[in-house]
Amino acid sequence: MSEDWNTKYGTRRVRRDPPTLEEAIFAATGITDDLESQAEIAASLMGMPIDAVQAEVKKIARSTIRSATTRVIAGEQGAQRSVVVERRVVRKFGNDKRI
């Protein structure tokens, strides 16, 4: 899909490609933590039915949980130590006004 328009420097063209399924799920993961909502968002970005997307969202969520929480870092002289990364949720309230 492309769109052409004329400028004083000549014809310009913009290419618009729909996101891949992995990109859509990654974007949905950044918006919400709820798996059902992620599937709805990714399905709307892709223009696919929700049923097809839900299985992929669950697969990616399972693999992300396992790989993202523990990292092994090689220290001095090849010694390994584990680092656990936990995500802290910050809650913002809509009626919180600063004076």
Protein backbone atom coordinates (compact mmCIF):
# COMPACT_ATOMS: atom_id res chain seq x y z
CA MET A 1 0.00 0.00 0.00
CA SER A 2 1.41 3.35 -0.95
CA GLU A 3 0.20 6.88 -1.31
CA ASP A 4 1.61 9.37 -3.83
CA TRP A 5 1.42 13.16 -3.83
CA ASN A 6 3.16 15.90 -5.75
CA THR A 7 5.41 18.48 -4.14
CA LYS A 8 7.55 21.20 -5.65
CA TYR A 9 10.48 18.76 -5.40
CA GLY A 10 8.66 15.99 -7.27
CA THR A 11 6.46 13.03 -6.44
CA ARG A 12 6.65 11.73 -2.89
CA ARG A 13 5.55 8.29 -1.85
CA VAL A 14 4.83 6.92 1.61
CA ARG A 15 4.67 3.21 2.15
CA ARG A 16 2.22 1.98 4.77
CA ASP A 17 2.53 -1.61 5.87
CA PRO A 18 0.34 -3.19 8.52
CA PRO A 19 2.27 -4.40 11.57
CA THR A 20 3.27 -8.02 11.95
CA LEU A 21 1.49 -10.06 14.59
CA GLU A 22 4.51 -9.91 16.92
CA GLU A 23 4.70 -6.11 16.57
CA ALA A 24 1.00 -5.74 17.29
CA ILE A 25 1.23 -7.93 20.38
CA PHE A 26 4.32 -6.02 21.58
CA ALA A 27 2.41 -2.73 21.22
CA ALA A 28 -0.59 -4.17 23.07
CA THR A 29 1.69 -5.42 25.86
CA GLY A 30 2.94 -1.87 26.39
CA ILE A 31 -0.61 -0.58 26.73
CA THR A 32 -2.15 -3.10 29.12
CA ASP A 33 -1.25 -6.13 31.24
CA ASP A 34 -4.57 -7.94 30.68
CA LEU A 35 -4.16 -10.76 28.12
CA GLU A 36 -7.71 -10.45 26.77
CA SER A 37 -7.30 -6.72 26.20
CA GLN A 38 -3.95 -7.34 24.53
CA ALA A 39 -5.60 -9.79 22.15
CA GLU A 40 -8.35 -7.28 21.31
CA ILE A 41 -5.85 -4.48 20.66
CA ALA A 42 -3.57 -6.67 18.53
CA ALA A 43 -6.54 -8.01 16.57
CA SER A 44 -7.79 -4.52 15.83
CA LEU A 45 -4.31 -3.41 14.69
CA MET A 46 -3.99 -6.42 12.41
CA GLY A 47 -7.59 -6.62 11.25
CA MET A 48 -7.73 -10.28 12.30
CA PRO A 49 -10.31 -12.18 14.37
CA ILE A 50 -9.65 -12.23 18.11
CA ASP A 51 -9.65 -16.04 18.29
CA ALA A 52 -6.61 -16.28 16.03
CA VAL A 53 -4.69 -13.69 18.03
CA GLN A 54 -5.47 -15.00 21.55
CA ALA A 55 -3.38 -18.15 21.11
CA GLU A 56 -0.34 -16.14 20.03
CA VAL A 57 -0.77 -13.66 22.90
CA LYS A 58 -0.79 -16.52 25.40
CA LYS A 59 2.31 -18.12 23.82
CA ILE A 60 4.25 -14.88 23.87
CA ALA A 61 3.12 -14.11 27.45
CA ARG A 62 4.35 -17.50 28.67
CA SER A 63 7.73 -17.17 26.99
CA THR A 64 8.15 -13.55 28.12
CA ILE A 65 7.49 -14.40 31.75
CA ARG A 66 10.15 -17.08 31.74
CA SER A 67 12.83 -15.12 29.89
CA ALA A 68 12.26 -11.63 31.28
CA THR A 69 12.27 -12.33 35.00
CA THR A 70 15.69 -13.96 35.39
CA ARG A 71 18.90 -13.00 33.65
CA VAL A 72 22.25 -14.70 34.04
CA ILE A 73 25.22 -12.35 33.99
CA ALA A 74 28.78 -13.55 33.70
CA GLY A 75 30.86 -11.74 36.28
CA GLU A 76 34.57 -11.74 36.94
CA GLN A 77 36.49 -14.86 35.97
CA GLY A 78 33.41 -16.46 34.40
CA ALA A 79 31.39 -16.68 37.63
CA GLN A 80 27.68 -16.48 37.02
CA ARG A 81 25.14 -14.71 39.14
CA SER A 82 21.41 -14.38 38.67
CA VAL A 83 19.61 -11.07 38.56
CA VAL A 84 15.85 -10.98 39.09
CA VAL A 85 14.05 -8.05 37.50
CA GLU A 86 10.64 -7.17 38.86
CA ARG A 87 8.31 -4.65 37.33
CA ARG A 88 6.91 -2.07 39.70
CA VAL A 89 3.43 -0.83 38.84
CA VAL A 90 2.86 2.87 39.38
CA ARG A 91 -0.74 3.84 39.85
CA LYS A 92 -1.82 7.27 38.75
CA PHE A 93 -5.12 8.72 39.77
CA GLY A 94 -7.11 10.99 37.47
CA ASN A 95 -8.20 13.30 40.28
CA ASP A 96 -4.69 13.86 41.63
CA LYS A 97 -4.02 17.56 41.00
CA ARG A 98 -0.84 19.27 42.03
CA ILE A 99 -1.01 22.72 43.51
